[in-house]
PDB file of N, CA and C in Angstrom:
ATOM      1  N   MET A   1       0.909  -1.224   0.069  1.00  0.00           N
ATOM      2  CA  MET A   1      -0.044   0.066   0.074  1.00  0.00           C
ATOM      3  C   MET A   1       0.879   1.214  -0.044  1.00  0.00           C
ATOM      4  N   ILE A   2       1.964   1.232   0.708  1.00  0.00           N
ATOM      5  CA  ILE A   2       2.766   2.236   0.732  1.00  0.00           C
ATOM      6  C   ILE A   2       3.483   2.964  -0.535  1.00  0.00           C
ATOM      7  N   PRO A   3       3.884   1.916  -1.650  1.00  0.00           N
ATOM      8  CA  PRO A   3       4.155   2.556  -2.965  1.00  0.00           C
ATOM      9  C   PRO A   3       2.960   3.217  -3.692  1.00  0.00           C
ATOM     10  N   LYS A   4       1.651   2.812  -3.451  1.00  0.00           N
ATOM     11  CA  LYS A   4       0.493   3.519  -4.129  1.00  0.00           C
ATOM     12  C   LYS A   4       0.588   4.614  -3.459  1.00  0.00           C
ATOM     13  N   ILE A   5       0.506   4.970  -2.262  1.00  0.00           N
ATOM     14  CA  ILE A   5       0.427   6.352  -1.318  1.00  0.00           C
ATOM     15  C   ILE A   5       1.778   6.970  -1.874  1.00  0.00           C
ATOM     16  N   GLN A   6       2.650   6.516  -1.910  1.00  0.00           N
ATOM     17  CA  GLN A   6       3.905   7.348  -2.240  1.00  0.00           C
ATOM     18  C   GLN A   6       3.703   7.915  -4.080  1.00  0.00           C
ATOM     19  N   ASN A   7       2.908   7.144  -4.854  1.00  0.00           N
ATOM     20  CA  ASN A   7       2.621   7.772  -6.045  1.00  0.00           C
ATOM     21  C   ASN A   7       1.681   8.755  -6.116  1.00  0.00           C
ATOM     22  N   ILE A   8       0.603   8.436  -5.225  1.00  0.00           N
ATOM     23  CA  ILE A   8      -0.283   9.765  -5.073  1.00  0.00           C
ATOM     24  C   ILE A   8       0.140  10.985  -4.405  1.00  0.00           C
ATOM     25  N   GLN A   9       1.345  10.702  -3.641  1.00  0.00           N
ATOM     26  CA  GLN A   9       2.023  12.072  -3.349  1.00  0.00           C
ATOM     27  C   GLN A   9       2.377  12.699  -4.290  1.00  0.00           C
ATOM     28  N   ASP A  10       3.163  12.568  -5.266  1.00  0.00           N
ATOM     29  CA  ASP A  10       3.302  12.951  -6.453  1.00  0.00           C
ATOM     30  C   ASP A  10       2.122  14.062  -7.238  1.00  0.00           C
ATOM     31  N   THR A  11       1.083  13.474  -7.143  1.00  0.00           N
ATOM     32  CA  THR A  11       0.248  14.289  -8.024  1.00  0.00           C
ATOM     33  C   THR A  11      -0.906  14.933  -6.783  1.00  0.00           C
ATOM     34  N   TRP A  12      -0.529  14.526  -5.515  1.00  0.00           N
ATOM     35  CA  TRP A  12      -1.742  15.374  -4.552  1.00  0.00           C
ATOM     36  C   TRP A  12      -1.677  16.937  -4.489  1.00  0.00           C
ATOM     37  N   THR A  13      -0.372  17.420  -4.628  1.00  0.00           N
ATOM     38  CA  THR A  13      -0.603  18.939  -4.810  1.00  0.00           C
ATOM     39  C   THR A  13      -1.422  19.435  -6.071  1.00  0.00           C
ATOM     40  N   GLU A  14      -1.642  18.882  -7.128  1.00  0.00           N
ATOM     41  CA  GLU A  14      -2.222  18.952  -8.208  1.00  0.00           C
ATOM     42  C   GLU A  14      -3.731  18.982  -7.942  1.00  0.00           C
ATOM     43  N   LEU A  15      -3.795  17.686  -7.078  1.00  0.00           N
ATOM     44  CA  LEU A  15      -5.334  17.079  -6.898  1.00  0.00           C
ATOM     45  C   LEU A  15      -5.926  18.241  -5.928  1.00  0.00           C
ATOM     46  N   THR A  16      -5.371  18.703  -4.925  1.00  0.00           N
ATOM     47  CA  THR A  16      -5.693  19.508  -3.785  1.00  0.00           C
ATOM     48  C   THR A  16      -6.390  20.667  -4.326  1.00  0.00           C
ATOM     49  N   SER A  17      -5.881  21.431  -5.492  1.00  0.00           N
ATOM     50  CA  SER A  17      -6.526  22.556  -5.999  1.00  0.00           C
ATOM     51  C   SER A  17      -7.840  22.172  -6.703  1.00  0.00           C
ATOM     52  N   ILE A  18      -8.326  20.572  -6.831  1.00  0.00           N
ATOM     53  CA  ILE A  18      -9.421  20.434  -7.522  1.00  0.00           C
ATOM     54  C   ILE A  18     -10.457  19.767  -6.153  1.00  0.00           C
ATOM     55  N   VAL A  19      -9.792  18.892  -5.474  1.00  0.00           N
ATOM     56  CA  VAL A  19     -10.570  18.193  -4.471  1.00  0.00           C
ATOM     57  C   VAL A  19     -10.146  18.589  -2.816  1.00  0.00           C
ATOM     58  N   PHE A  20     -10.787  19.132  -1.935  1.00  0.00           N
ATOM     59  CA  PHE A  20     -10.210  19.778  -1.048  1.00  0.00           C
ATOM     60  C   PHE A  20     -11.472  19.964   0.101  1.00  0.00           C
ATOM     61  N   VAL A  21     -11.088  20.026   1.206  1.00  0.00           N
ATOM     62  CA  VAL A  21     -12.277  20.320   2.145  1.00  0.00           C
ATOM     63  C   VAL A  21     -12.698  21.705   2.409  1.00  0.00           C
ATOM     64  N   PRO A  22     -13.536  22.012   1.935  1.00  0.00           N
ATOM     65  CA  PRO A  22     -14.161  23.576   1.821  1.00  0.00           C
ATOM     66  C   PRO A  22     -14.337  24.104   3.539  1.00  0.00           C
ATOM     67  N   HIS A  23     -13.626  25.242   3.575  1.00  0.00           N
ATOM     68  CA  HIS A  23     -13.674  25.947   5.045  1.00  0.00           C
ATOM     69  C   HIS A  23     -14.268  27.152   5.011  1.00  0.00           C
ATOM     70  N   SER A  24     -14.465  27.727   3.801  1.00  0.00           N
ATOM     71  CA  SER A  24     -14.989  28.883   3.669  1.00  0.00           C
ATOM     72  C   SER A  24     -16.090  28.977   2.615  1.00  0.00           C
ATOM     73  N   GLU A  25     -17.058  30.169   2.449  1.00  0.00           N
ATOM     74  CA  GLU A  25     -18.033  30.237   1.440  1.00  0.00           C
ATOM     75  C   GLU A  25     -17.339  30.152   0.064  1.00  0.00           C
ATOM     76  N   SER A  26     -16.257  30.695  -0.237  1.00  0.00           N
ATOM     77  CA  SER A  26     -15.451  30.867  -1.341  1.00  0.00           C
ATOM     78  C   SER A  26     -14.814  29.209  -1.755  1.00  0.00           C
ATOM     79  N   ASP A  27     -14.492  28.594  -0.699  1.00  0.00           N
ATOM     80  CA  ASP A  27     -13.921  27.255  -1.067  1.00  0.00           C
ATOM     81  C   ASP A  27     -15.235  26.131  -1.502  1.00  0.00           C
ATOM     82  N   TYR A  28     -16.507  26.536  -0.876  1.00  0.00           N
ATOM     83  CA  TYR A  28     -17.631  25.915  -1.111  1.00  0.00           C
ATOM     84  C   TYR A  28     -17.972  26.237  -2.633  1.00  0.00           C
ATOM     85  N   ASP A  29     -18.029  27.515  -2.963  1.00  0.00           N
ATOM     86  CA  ASP A  29     -18.161  27.956  -4.340  1.00  0.00           C
ATOM     87  C   ASP A  29     -17.435  27.114  -5.584  1.00  0.00           C
ATOM     88  N   ARG A  30     -16.064  27.191  -5.341  1.00  0.00           N
ATOM     89  CA  ARG A  30     -15.109  26.514  -5.810  1.00  0.00           C
ATOM     90  C   ARG A  30     -15.244  24.846  -5.983  1.00  0.00           C
ATOM     91  N   LEU A  31     -15.408  24.280  -4.621  1.00  0.00           N
ATOM     92  CA  LEU A  31     -16.015  23.006  -4.929  1.00  0.00           C
ATOM     93  C   LEU A  31     -17.273  22.630  -5.500  1.00  0.00           C
ATOM     94  N   SER A  32     -18.409  23.435  -5.587  1.00  0.00           N
ATOM     95  CA  SER A  32     -19.563  23.633  -6.233  1.00  0.00           C
ATOM     96  C   SER A  32     -19.313  23.566  -7.662  1.00  0.00           C
ATOM     97  N   THR A  33     -18.166  24.336  -8.063  1.00  0.00           N
ATOM     98  CA  THR A  33     -18.042  24.478  -9.520  1.00  0.00           C
ATOM     99  C   THR A  33     -17.278  23.195 -10.136  1.00  0.00           C
ATOM    100  N   VAL A  34     -16.500  22.581  -9.177  1.00  0.00           N
ATOM    101  CA  VAL A  34     -15.974  21.345  -9.653  1.00  0.00           C
ATOM    102  C   VAL A  34     -16.983  20.117  -9.789  1.00  0.00           C
ATOM    103  N   ARG A  35     -18.028  20.080  -8.832  1.00  0.00           N
ATOM    104  CA  ARG A  35     -18.990  19.202  -8.725  1.00  0.00           C
ATOM    105  C   ARG A  35     -19.807  19.531 -10.176  1.00  0.00           C
ATOM    106  N   HIS A  36     -19.860  20.652 -10.542  1.00  0.00           N
ATOM    107  CA  HIS A  36     -20.697  20.719 -11.808  1.00  0.00           C
ATOM    108  C   HIS A  36     -20.146  20.225 -13.070  1.00  0.00           C
ATOM    109  N   ASP A  37     -18.717  20.539 -12.977  1.00  0.00           N
ATOM    110  CA  ASP A  37     -17.825  20.226 -14.028  1.00  0.00           C
ATOM    111  C   ASP A  37     -17.916  19.061 -14.111  1.00  0.00           C
ATOM    112  N   LEU A  38     -17.505  18.117 -12.951  1.00  0.00           N
ATOM    113  CA  LEU A  38     -17.703  16.488 -13.041  1.00  0.00           C
ATOM    114  C   LEU A  38     -18.891  15.834 -13.626  1.00  0.00           C
ATOM    115  N   PHE A  39     -20.395  16.591 -13.120  1.00  0.00           N
ATOM    116  CA  PHE A  39     -21.333  16.240 -13.985  1.00  0.00           C
ATOM    117  C   PHE A  39     -21.375  16.358 -15.428  1.00  0.00           C
ATOM    118  N   ALA A  40     -20.819  17.213 -15.741  1.00  0.00           N
ATOM    119  CA  ALA A  40     -20.947  17.919 -17.447  1.00  0.00           C
ATOM    120  C   ALA A  40     -20.109  16.736 -18.040  1.00  0.00           C
ATOM    121  N   ILE A  41     -18.902  16.027 -17.461  1.00  0.00           N
ATOM    122  CA  ILE A  41     -18.258  14.951 -17.895  1.00  0.00           C
ATOM    123  C   ILE A  41     -18.750  13.635 -17.661  1.00  0.00           C
ATOM    124  N   VAL A  42     -19.314  13.572 -16.508  1.00  0.00           N
ATOM    125  CA  VAL A  42     -19.692  12.171 -16.303  1.00  0.00           C
ATOM    126  C   VAL A  42     -21.337  11.876 -16.496  1.00  0.00           C
ATOM    127  N   GLY A  43     -21.994  12.726 -16.436  1.00  0.00           N
ATOM    128  CA  GLY A  43     -23.300  12.596 -16.631  1.00  0.00           C
ATOM    129  C   GLY A  43     -23.724  11.745 -15.690  1.00  0.00           C
ATOM    130  N   ASN A  44     -24.784  10.791 -16.366  1.00  0.00           N
ATOM    131  CA  ASN A  44     -25.397   9.805 -15.323  1.00  0.00           C
ATOM    132  C   ASN A  44     -24.542   8.460 -15.709  1.00  0.00           C
ATOM    133  N   ASN A  45     -23.364   8.355 -16.010  1.00  0.00           N
ATOM    134  CA  ASN A  45     -22.763   6.933 -16.459  1.00  0.00           C
ATOM    135  C   ASN A  45     -21.951   6.627 -14.933  1.00  0.00           C
ATOM    136  N   ASP A  46     -22.699   5.825 -14.259  1.00  0.00           N
ATOM    137  CA  ASP A  46     -22.095   5.020 -13.155  1.00  0.00           C
ATOM    138  C   ASP A  46     -20.832   4.515 -13.367  1.00  0.00           C
ATOM    139  N   ASN A  47     -20.764   4.136 -14.427  1.00  0.00           N
ATOM    140  CA  ASN A  47     -19.448   3.311 -14.721  1.00  0.00           C
ATOM    141  C   ASN A  47     -17.953   4.223 -15.207  1.00  0.00           C
ATOM    142  N   HIS A  48     -18.480   5.528 -15.357  1.00  0.00           N
ATOM    143  CA  HIS A  48     -17.385   6.307 -15.801  1.00  0.00           C
ATOM    144  C   HIS A  48     -16.255   6.544 -14.435  1.00  0.00           C
ATOM    145  N   PRO A  49     -14.983   6.459 -14.908  1.00  0.00           N
ATOM    146  CA  PRO A  49     -13.975   6.496 -14.046  1.00  0.00           C
ATOM    147  C   PRO A  49     -14.065   7.812 -12.846  1.00  0.00           C
ATOM    148  N   LEU A  50     -14.675   8.878 -13.292  1.00  0.00           N
ATOM    149  CA  LEU A  50     -14.880  10.027 -12.344  1.00  0.00           C
ATOM    150  C   LEU A  50     -15.836   9.865 -11.595  1.00  0.00           C
ATOM    151  N   ALA A  51     -16.605   8.851 -11.619  1.00  0.00           N
ATOM    152  CA  ALA A  51     -18.090   8.820 -10.811  1.00  0.00           C
ATOM    153  C   ALA A  51     -18.115   8.645  -9.318  1.00  0.00           C
ATOM    154  N   SER A  52     -17.024   8.151  -9.260  1.00  0.00           N
ATOM    155  CA  SER A  52     -16.794   7.850  -7.570  1.00  0.00           C
ATOM    156  C   SER A  52     -16.238   9.276  -7.135  1.00  0.00           C
ATOM    157  N   LEU A  53     -15.298  10.171  -7.739  1.00  0.00           N
ATOM    158  CA  LEU A  53     -14.910  11.151  -7.566  1.00  0.00           C
ATOM    159  C   LEU A  53     -16.290  12.385  -7.269  1.00  0.00           C
ATOM    160  N   ILE A  54     -17.174  12.262  -7.789  1.00  0.00           N
ATOM    161  CA  ILE A  54     -18.464  12.877  -7.747  1.00  0.00           C
ATOM    162  C   ILE A  54     -19.000  12.740  -6.438  1.00  0.00           C
ATOM    163  N   GLU A  55     -19.041  11.423  -5.714  1.00  0.00           N
ATOM    164  CA  GLU A  55     -19.514  10.817  -4.442  1.00  0.00           C
ATOM    165  C   GLU A  55     -18.443  11.518  -3.427  1.00  0.00           C
ATOM    166  N   VAL A  56     -17.140  11.606  -3.732  1.00  0.00           N
ATOM    167  CA  VAL A  56     -16.220  12.228  -2.792  1.00  0.00           C
ATOM    168  C   VAL A  56     -16.793  13.809  -2.611  1.00  0.00           C
ATOM    169  N   VAL A  57     -16.857  14.474  -3.778  1.00  0.00           N
ATOM    170  CA  VAL A  57     -16.942  15.963  -3.741  1.00  0.00           C
ATOM    171  C   VAL A  57     -18.263  16.405  -2.879  1.00  0.00           C
ATOM    172  N   ASP A  58     -19.651  15.240  -3.485  1.00  0.00           N
ATOM    173  CA  ASP A  58     -20.760  15.703  -2.923  1.00  0.00           C
ATOM    174  C   ASP A  58     -20.557  15.376  -1.317  1.00  0.00           C
ATOM    175  N   THR A  59     -19.873  14.425  -0.727  1.00  0.00           N
ATOM    176  CA  THR A  59     -19.640  14.213   0.609  1.00  0.00           C
ATOM    177  C   THR A  59     -18.890  15.611   1.318  1.00  0.00           C
ATOM    178  N   LEU A  60     -17.996  16.129   0.650  1.00  0.00           N
ATOM    179  CA  LEU A  60     -17.332  17.560   1.117  1.00  0.00           C
ATOM    180  C   LEU A  60     -18.452  18.521   1.115  1.00  0.00           C
ATOM    181  N   ILE A  61     -18.948  18.577   0.185  1.00  0.00           N
ATOM    182  CA  ILE A  61     -20.222  19.730   0.263  1.00  0.00           C
ATOM    183  C   ILE A  61     -20.960  19.485   0.999  1.00  0.00           C
ATOM    184  N   GLU A  62     -21.654  18.392   1.167  1.00  0.00           N
ATOM    185  CA  GLU A  62     -22.750  17.981   2.287  1.00  0.00           C
ATOM    186  C   GLU A  62     -22.030  18.277   3.584  1.00  0.00           C
ATOM    187  N   LYS A  63     -20.932  18.057   4.195  1.00  0.00           N
ATOM    188  CA  LYS A  63     -20.248  18.297   4.999  1.00  0.00           C
ATOM    189  C   LYS A  63     -20.228  19.470   5.673  1.00  0.00           C
ATOM    190  N   TYR A  64     -20.016  20.398   4.694  1.00  0.00           N
ATOM    191  CA  TYR A  64     -19.846  22.100   5.182  1.00  0.00           C
ATOM    192  C   TYR A  64     -21.151  22.431   5.059  1.00  0.00           C
ATOM    193  N   GLU A  65     -22.244  22.005   4.205  1.00  0.00           N
ATOM    194  CA  GLU A  65     -23.338  22.569   4.456  1.00  0.00           C
ATOM    195  C   GLU A  65     -23.817  22.184   5.771  1.00  0.00           C
ATOM    196  N   SER A  66     -23.716  20.828   6.030  1.00  0.00           N
ATOM    197  CA  SER A  66     -24.190  20.642   7.683  1.00  0.00           C
ATOM    198  C   SER A  66     -23.690  21.450   8.716  1.00  0.00           C
ATOM    199  N   GLU A  67     -22.237  21.382   8.715  1.00  0.00           N
ATOM    200  CA  GLU A  67     -21.615  22.351   9.425  1.00  0.00           C
ATOM    201  C   GLU A  67     -21.933  23.713   9.487  1.00  0.00           C
ATOM    202  N   LYS A  68     -22.336  24.170   8.612  1.00  0.00           N
ATOM    203  CA  LYS A  68     -22.786  25.690   8.142  1.00  0.00           C
ATOM    204  C   LYS A  68     -24.119  26.110   8.998  1.00  0.00           C
ATOM    205  N   GLU A  69     -25.068  25.005   8.860  1.00  0.00           N
ATOM    206  CA  GLU A  69     -26.433  25.020   9.147  1.00  0.00           C
ATOM    207  C   GLU A  69     -26.317  25.014  10.639  1.00  0.00           C
ATOM    208  N   ILE A  70     -25.479  24.057  11.405  1.00  0.00           N
ATOM    209  CA  ILE A  70     -25.364  24.197  12.489  1.00  0.00           C
ATOM    210  C   ILE A  70     -24.917  25.167  13.316  1.00  0.00           C
ATOM    211  N   SER A  71     -23.740  25.889  12.369  1.00  0.00           N
ATOM    212  CA  SER A  71     -23.090  27.031  12.896  1.00  0.00           C
ATOM    213  C   SER A  71     -24.358  28.111  13.100  1.00  0.00           C
ATOM    214  N   GLU A  72     -25.044  28.247  11.583  1.00  0.00           N
ATOM    215  CA  GLU A  72     -25.901  29.300  11.961  1.00  0.00           C
ATOM    216  C   GLU A  72     -26.962  29.058  12.733  1.00  0.00           C
ATOM    217  N   ARG A  73     -27.380  27.986  13.226  1.00  0.00           N
ATOM    218  CA  ARG A  73     -28.406  27.717  14.260  1.00  0.00           C
ATOM    219  C   ARG A  73     -28.029  28.158  15.742  1.00  0.00           C
ATOM    220  N   ASP A  74     -26.802  27.728  15.834  1.00  0.00           N
ATOM    221  CA  ASP A  74     -26.219  28.148  17.155  1.00  0.00           C
ATOM    222  C   ASP A  74     -25.976  29.527  17.212  1.00  0.00           C
ATOM    223  N   ALA A  75     -25.741  30.360  16.216  1.00  0.00           N
ATOM    224  CA  ALA A  75     -25.636  31.864  16.356  1.00  0.00           C
ATOM    225  C   ALA A  75     -27.003  32.387  16.378  1.00  0.00           C
ATOM    226  N   TRP A  76     -28.048  31.737  15.833  1.00  0.00           N
ATOM    227  CA  TRP A  76     -29.542  32.333  16.300  1.00  0.00           C
ATOM    228  C   TRP A  76     -29.890  32.105  17.420  1.00  0.00           C
ATOM    229  N   HIS A  77     -29.568  30.731  18.046  1.00  0.00           N
ATOM    230  CA  HIS A  77     -29.851  30.582  19.119  1.00  0.00           C
ATOM    231  C   HIS A  77     -29.245  31.346  20.310  1.00  0.00           C
ATOM    232  N   ASN A  78     -27.906  31.719  20.074  1.00  0.00           N
ATOM    233  CA  ASN A  78     -27.082  32.788  21.273  1.00  0.00           C
ATOM    234  C   ASN A  78     -27.713  33.850  21.204  1.00  0.00           C
ATOM    235  N   PHE A  79     -27.855  34.344  19.749  1.00  0.00           N
ATOM    236  CA  PHE A  79     -28.740  35.754  19.740  1.00  0.00           C
ATOM    237  C   PHE A  79     -30.006  35.857  20.293  1.00  0.00           C
ATOM    238  N   SER A  80     -30.662  34.829  20.187  1.00  0.00           N
ATOM    239  CA  SER A  80     -32.034  34.865  21.271  1.00  0.00           C
ATOM    240  C   SER A  80     -32.013  34.913  22.331  1.00  0.00           C
ATOM    241  N   LEU A  81     -30.977  34.087  22.813  1.00  0.00           N
ATOM    242  CA  LEU A  81     -30.603  34.266  24.269  1.00  0.00           C
ATOM    243  C   LEU A  81     -30.067  35.489  24.669  1.00  0.00           C
ATOM    244  N   GLN A  82     -29.429  36.050  24.181  1.00  0.00           N
ATOM    245  CA  GLN A  82     -28.780  37.371  24.441  1.00  0.00           C
ATOM    246  C   GLN A  82     -30.038  38.393  24.445  1.00  0.00           C
ATOM    247  N   MET A  83     -30.815  38.433  23.435  1.00  0.00           N
ATOM    248  CA  MET A  83     -32.101  39.359  23.182  1.00  0.00           C
ATOM    249  C   MET A  83     -33.243  39.097  24.740  1.00  0.00           C
ATOM    250  N   LEU A  84     -33.311  37.689  24.993  1.00  0.00           N
ATOM    251  CA  LEU A  84     -33.974  37.417  26.028  1.00  0.00           C
ATOM    252  C   LEU A  84     -33.721  38.142  27.372  1.00  0.00           C
ATOM    253  N   SER A  85     -32.369  37.894  27.627  1.00  0.00           N
ATOM    254  CA  SER A  85     -31.670  38.205  28.756  1.00  0.00           C
ATOM    255  C   SER A  85     -31.925  39.723  28.891  1.00  0.00           C
ATOM    256  N   LYS A  86     -31.321  40.309  27.705  1.00  0.00           N
ATOM    257  CA  LYS A  86     -31.728  41.832  27.597  1.00  0.00           C
ATOM    258  C   LYS A  86     -33.021  42.470  28.054  1.00  0.00           C
ATOM    259  N   ALA A  87     -34.014  41.625  27.331  1.00  0.00           N
ATOM    260  CA  ALA A  87     -35.510  42.071  27.623  1.00  0.00           C
ATOM    261  C   ALA A  87     -36.102  41.560  28.907  1.00  0.00           C
ATOM    262  N   TYR A  88     -35.685  40.487  29.241  1.00  0.00           N
ATOM    263  CA  TYR A  88     -35.748  40.190  30.863  1.00  0.00           C
ATOM    264  C   TYR A  88     -34.743  39.943  31.825  1.00  0.00           C
ATOM    265  N   GLY A  89     -33.773  41.083  31.942  1.00  0.00           N
ATOM    266  CA  GLY A  89     -32.872  40.946  32.683  1.00  0.00           C
ATOM    267  C   GLY A  89     -33.103  41.675  33.962  1.00  0.00           C
ATOM    268  N   ASP A  90     -32.460  41.588  34.968  1.00  0.00           N
ATOM    269  CA  ASP A  90     -32.433  42.080  36.399  1.00  0.00           C
ATOM    270  C   ASP A  90     -32.959  43.673  36.520  1.00  0.00           C
ATOM    271  N   ASP A  91     -32.290  44.311  35.639  1.00  0.00           N
ATOM    272  CA  ASP A  91     -32.809  45.536  35.538  1.00  0.00           C
ATOM    273  C   ASP A  91     -34.235  46.065  34.657  1.00  0.00           C
ATOM    274  N   GLU A  92     -34.929  44.823  34.343  1.00  0.00           N
ATOM    275  CA  GLU A  92     -35.892  45.298  34.060  1.00  0.00           C
ATOM    276  C   GLU A  92     -37.126  45.657  34.872  1.00  0.00           C
ATOM    277  N   PRO A  93     -37.801  46.639  34.733  1.00  0.00           N
ATOM    278  CA  PRO A  93     -38.843  47.111  35.797  1.00  0.00           C
ATOM    279  C   PRO A  93     -40.102  46.200  36.013  1.00  0.00           C
ATOM    280  N   GLU A  94     -40.613  46.056  37.125  1.00  0.00           N
ATOM    281  CA  GLU A  94     -41.697  45.697  37.208  1.00  0.00           C
ATOM    282  C   GLU A  94     -42.802  45.973  36.485  1.00  0.00           C
ATOM    283  N   TYR A  95     -43.758  45.756  35.828  1.00  0.00           N
ATOM    284  CA  TYR A  95     -44.868  46.337  35.114  1.00  0.00           C
ATOM    285  C   TYR A  95     -46.394  45.716  35.929  1.00  0.00           C
ATOM    286  N   THR A  96     -47.042  46.815  36.101  1.00  0.00           N
ATOM    287  CA  THR A  96     -48.207  46.505  37.055  1.00  0.00           C
ATOM    288  C   THR A  96     -49.267  46.548  35.807  1.00  0.00           C
ATOM    289  N   THR A  97     -50.662  46.156  36.271  1.00  0.00           N
ATOM    290  CA  THR A  97     -51.391  46.159  35.350  1.00  0.00           C
ATOM    291  C   THR A  97     -52.228  48.015  35.221  1.00  0.00           C
ATOM    292  N   ASP A  98     -51.659  48.929  36.170  1.00  0.00           N
ATOM    293  CA  ASP A  98     -51.956  50.169  35.993  1.00  0.00           C
ATOM    294  C   ASP A  98     -51.396  50.735  34.865  1.00  0.00           C
ATOM    295  N   MET A  99     -50.247  50.059  34.372  1.00  0.00           N
ATOM    296  CA  MET A  99     -49.727  50.603  33.271  1.00  0.00           C
ATOM    297  C   MET A  99     -50.029  50.413  31.745  1.00  0.00           C
ATOM    298  N   LEU A 100     -51.159  49.504  31.981  1.00  0.00           N
ATOM    299  CA  LEU A 100     -51.813  48.971  30.689  1.00  0.00           C
ATOM    300  C   LEU A 100     -52.481  49.917  30.253  1.00  0.00           C
ATOM    301  N   LYS A 101     -52.403  49.974  28.751  1.00  0.00           N
ATOM    302  CA  LYS A 101     -53.232  50.959  27.637  1.00  0.00           C
ATOM    303  C   LYS A 101     -54.332  50.688  27.538  1.00  0.00           C
ATOM    304  N   TRP A 102     -54.638  49.395  27.446  1.00  0.00           N
ATOM    305  CA  TRP A 102     -55.877  48.440  26.984  1.00  0.00           C
ATOM    306  C   TRP A 102     -55.747  47.298  27.922  1.00  0.00           C
ATOM    307  N   VAL A 103     -56.988  46.631  27.977  1.00  0.00           N
ATOM    308  CA  VAL A 103     -57.008  45.126  28.767  1.00  0.00           C
ATOM    309  C   VAL A 103     -57.460  44.243  27.818  1.00  0.00           C
ATOM    310  N   ASN A 104     -56.927  43.054  27.668  1.00  0.00           N
ATOM    311  CA  ASN A 104     -57.329  42.160  26.787  1.00  0.00           C
ATOM    312  C   ASN A 104     -58.431  41.466  27.528  1.00  0.00           C
ATOM    313  N   PRO A 105     -59.597  41.446  26.690  1.00  0.00           N
ATOM    314  CA  PRO A 105     -60.963  40.744  27.083  1.00  0.00           C
ATOM    315  C   PRO A 105     -60.942  39.229  27.360  1.00  0.00           C
ATOM    316  N   ASP A 106     -59.862  38.645  26.450  1.00  0.00           N
ATOM    317  CA  ASP A 106     -59.614  37.118  26.490  1.00  0.00           C
ATOM    318  C   ASP A 106     -58.855  36.513  27.828  1.00  0.00           C
ATOM    319  N   TYR A 107     -57.968  37.523  28.351  1.00  0.00           N
ATOM    320  CA  TYR A 107     -57.261  37.155  29.272  1.00  0.00           C
ATOM    321  C   TYR A 107     -57.588  36.703  30.557  1.00  0.00           C
ATOM    322  N   GLU A 108     -57.210  35.729  31.179  1.00  0.00           N
ATOM    323  CA  GLU A 108     -58.123  34.959  32.457  1.00  0.00           C
ATOM    324  C   GLU A 108     -57.276  35.468  33.538  1.00  0.00           C
ATOM    325  N   GLY A 109     -56.253  35.819  33.485  1.00  0.00           N
ATOM    326  CA  GLY A 109     -55.229  36.330  34.641  1.00  0.00           C
ATOM    327  C   GLY A 109     -54.719  35.127  35.369  1.00  0.00           C
ATOM    328  N   LYS A 110     -54.403  34.268  34.293  1.00  0.00           N
ATOM    329  CA  LYS A 110     -53.794  32.957  34.737  1.00  0.00           C
ATOM    330  C   LYS A 110     -52.086  32.979  34.670  1.00  0.00           C
TER     331      LYS A 110
END
């Protein structure tokens, strides 16, 4: 196996400009272009020598999208907590019913 890996080492630098783990939106865009170009070459031919490369690129793209989705969800969660903390912090005054402009007739006071 080591001789095969050593053979790959010779071409790896060139390959990493095409197949790489995306860490930014621009990386993601570049990898998406690679995927598009691969589909243009391979089409629906599952027996094409580059068909498995599409699977690898798809996996890399899906991983980035998943991590980005989790990151965005975490950012919204943290933002929500900050805003709730700000709105209902210790310095928030107590509101009394005397301060109401109008009363909700459907509110049962529970």
